[in-house]
Amino acid sequence: RTRSRSVSSQTRATWICDAMPESRPRHVLGIASVDDIFACVENGGDTFDCVAPARCARNGAIFTRDGRYNVKRAQHKFDFGPSLEEGCDCYTCQHYTRAYVDHLLRAREFNGFTLATIHNERFFVKLLDDIRASIDGGYFDEFRDESLARFYANGPRG
């Protein structure tokens, strides 16, 4: 599944970048997975836009560096650990537990949708910040390979 999505994103990014002049930003729509982001960056995509982080969050899917998980799974119901993702600096992770976000989502409280979306949006913003730093530092290929290996270590959940 992830392989065909990468090829599709790579094809879209290549087409957009070939069609647009160098002086114009290249905006790619519908980029919904980590491997899609890397494929588009490799092919010259400058900006991205997708509803997937918010849509996934509303359904309980949480993006982390170690893959995607569903916070509404039974194992998180009583997980009063400090955050959705260890080491995350987003508002949600700094102030709420997995159990609380799980409760809000199960109760279909709008705050749950908002808190999960805040985390997922921060995940993607941080990923792009790290990609920029890897390009500036000259280690993009290594960063891409390590990030994708870590994200997909437990299977194609992204």
Protein backbone atom coordinates (compact mmCIF):
# COMPACT_ATOMS: atom_id res chain seq x y z
CA ARG A 1 0.00 0.00 0.00
CA THR A 2 2.65 2.54 0.98
CA ARG A 3 4.75 1.76 -2.09
CA SER A 4 2.02 2.58 -4.60
CA ARG A 5 1.16 5.76 -2.71
CA SER A 6 4.80 6.88 -2.90
CA VAL A 7 4.95 6.27 -6.61
CA SER A 8 1.70 8.20 -7.04
CA SER A 9 2.97 11.12 -4.97
CA GLN A 10 6.31 11.02 -6.71
CA THR A 11 4.55 11.16 -10.08
CA ARG A 12 2.36 14.08 -8.94
CA ALA A 13 5.33 15.98 -7.53
CA THR A 14 7.42 15.37 -10.64
CA TRP A 15 4.60 16.55 -12.90
CA ILE A 16 3.98 19.68 -10.82
CA CYS A 17 7.66 20.55 -10.62
CA ASP A 18 8.19 19.98 -14.35
CA ALA A 19 5.15 22.11 -15.22
CA MET A 20 5.93 25.03 -12.90
CA PRO A 21 8.70 27.56 -13.49
CA GLU A 22 11.62 27.44 -11.03
CA SER A 23 10.64 30.86 -9.66
CA ARG A 24 7.19 29.67 -8.54
CA PRO A 25 6.37 27.66 -5.41
CA ARG A 26 5.24 24.09 -6.04
CA HIS A 27 2.17 23.25 -4.00
CA VAL A 28 1.12 19.60 -3.76
CA LEU A 29 -2.37 18.67 -2.52
CA GLY A 30 -3.50 15.49 -0.81
CA ILE A 31 -0.21 14.44 0.75
CA ALA A 32 -1.38 12.13 3.50
CA SER A 33 1.51 9.93 4.59
CA VAL A 34 5.09 10.24 5.72
CA ASP A 35 6.51 8.53 2.63
CA ASP A 36 4.44 10.86 0.41
CA ILE A 37 6.01 13.88 2.10
CA PHE A 38 9.52 12.58 1.47
CA ALA A 39 8.70 11.67 -2.17
CA CYS A 40 7.36 15.14 -2.84
CA VAL A 41 10.31 16.89 -1.22
CA GLU A 42 12.71 14.77 -3.28
CA ASN A 43 10.93 15.85 -6.44
CA GLY A 44 10.79 19.56 -5.64
CA GLY A 45 7.53 20.04 -3.75
CA ASP A 46 7.66 23.20 -1.65
CA THR A 47 4.34 23.26 0.20
CA PHE A 48 1.76 20.62 1.06
CA ASP A 49 -1.87 20.57 1.99
CA CYS A 50 -4.04 17.72 3.20
CA VAL A 51 -6.95 17.13 5.56
CA ALA A 52 -5.66 13.68 6.57
CA PRO A 53 -3.97 14.68 9.87
CA ALA A 54 -7.27 16.16 11.12
CA ARG A 55 -9.46 13.41 9.64
CA CYS A 56 -7.26 10.70 11.14
CA ALA A 57 -7.23 12.49 14.51
CA ARG A 58 -11.03 12.65 14.64
CA ASN A 59 -11.05 8.87 14.31
CA GLY A 60 -8.39 8.35 16.99
CA ALA A 61 -5.35 7.79 14.75
CA ILE A 62 -2.27 9.44 16.24
CA PHE A 63 0.91 10.00 14.20
CA THR A 64 4.25 9.49 15.98
CA ARG A 65 7.85 9.02 14.91
CA ASP A 66 7.33 5.32 15.66
CA GLY A 67 4.30 4.96 13.40
CA ARG A 68 0.62 5.54 13.73
CA TYR A 69 -1.58 4.11 16.46
CA ASN A 70 -5.21 4.35 17.49
CA VAL A 71 -5.57 6.04 20.87
CA LYS A 72 -9.07 4.52 21.24
CA ARG A 73 -7.64 1.00 21.62
CA ALA A 74 -8.39 -0.63 24.97
CA GLN A 75 -4.75 -0.50 26.09
CA HIS A 76 -4.89 3.32 26.22
CA LYS A 77 -8.11 3.57 28.25
CA PHE A 78 -6.20 3.68 31.53
CA ASP A 79 -2.88 5.01 30.21
CA PHE A 80 -2.29 8.05 32.37
CA GLY A 81 1.20 8.56 30.97
CA PRO A 82 2.19 12.11 30.22
CA SER A 83 1.52 12.33 26.47
CA LEU A 84 0.35 10.92 23.15
CA GLU A 85 4.00 10.70 22.07
CA GLU A 86 7.08 10.63 24.26
CA GLY A 87 9.10 13.82 23.78
CA CYS A 88 6.47 15.71 21.77
CA ASP A 89 6.29 19.44 22.46
CA CYS A 90 2.70 20.03 21.26
CA TYR A 91 0.06 21.52 23.55
CA THR A 92 -1.83 18.24 23.80
CA CYS A 93 1.19 16.19 24.83
CA GLN A 94 2.28 18.82 27.34
CA HIS A 95 -1.09 18.94 29.11
CA TYR A 96 -3.15 15.75 28.58
CA THR A 97 -2.84 11.99 28.93
CA ARG A 98 -3.70 9.29 26.40
CA ALA A 99 -6.52 8.16 28.67
CA TYR A 100 -8.09 11.62 28.67
CA VAL A 101 -7.86 12.03 24.88
CA ASP A 102 -9.24 8.49 24.50
CA HIS A 103 -12.17 9.38 26.79
CA LEU A 104 -12.96 12.57 24.86
CA LEU A 105 -12.87 10.81 21.50
CA ARG A 106 -15.06 7.94 22.71
CA ALA A 107 -17.54 10.47 24.11
CA ARG A 108 -17.37 12.32 20.76
CA GLU A 109 -16.46 15.52 22.58
CA PHE A 110 -15.17 18.22 20.25
CA ASN A 111 -12.23 18.87 22.56
CA GLY A 112 -10.99 15.35 21.81
CA PHE A 113 -11.04 16.03 18.07
CA THR A 114 -9.18 19.29 18.63
CA LEU A 115 -6.54 17.84 20.97
CA ALA A 116 -5.78 14.90 18.67
CA THR A 117 -5.63 17.23 15.64
CA ILE A 118 -3.23 19.58 17.43
CA HIS A 119 -0.86 16.66 17.98
CA ASN A 120 -1.09 15.32 14.42
CA GLU A 121 -0.58 18.77 12.90
CA ARG A 122 2.47 19.31 15.13
CA PHE A 123 3.82 15.93 14.04
CA PHE A 124 3.77 16.97 10.38
CA VAL A 125 5.10 20.49 11.01
CA LYS A 126 7.98 19.02 13.05
CA LEU A 127 8.65 16.44 10.33
CA LEU A 128 8.93 19.20 7.73
CA ASP A 129 11.15 21.28 10.03
CA ASP A 130 13.43 18.25 10.42
CA ILE A 131 13.41 17.65 6.65
CA ARG A 132 14.46 21.29 6.06
CA ALA A 133 17.26 20.91 8.60
CA SER A 134 18.43 17.68 6.92
CA ILE A 135 18.51 19.40 3.52
CA ASP A 136 20.43 22.36 4.94
CA GLY A 137 22.80 20.00 6.75
CA GLY A 138 23.38 17.78 3.72
CA TYR A 139 22.03 14.56 5.26
CA PHE A 140 18.55 14.35 3.68
CA ASP A 141 18.96 10.81 2.29
CA GLU A 142 20.09 9.43 5.64
CA PHE A 143 17.33 11.27 7.50
CA ARG A 144 14.69 10.00 5.04
CA ASP A 145 15.86 6.40 5.31
CA GLU A 146 16.05 6.48 9.12
CA SER A 147 12.70 8.25 9.50
CA LEU A 148 10.84 5.88 7.18
CA ALA A 149 12.44 2.81 8.74
CA ARG A 150 11.41 3.99 12.21
CA PHE A 151 7.90 5.02 11.16
CA TYR A 152 7.17 1.77 9.33
CA ALA A 153 9.09 -0.58 11.67
CA ASN A 154 5.84 -2.19 12.84
CA GLY A 155 4.22 -2.36 9.41
CA PRO A 156 2.48 -0.01 7.00
CA ARG A 157 0.29 1.83 9.52
CA GLY A 158 1.00 5.31 8.17
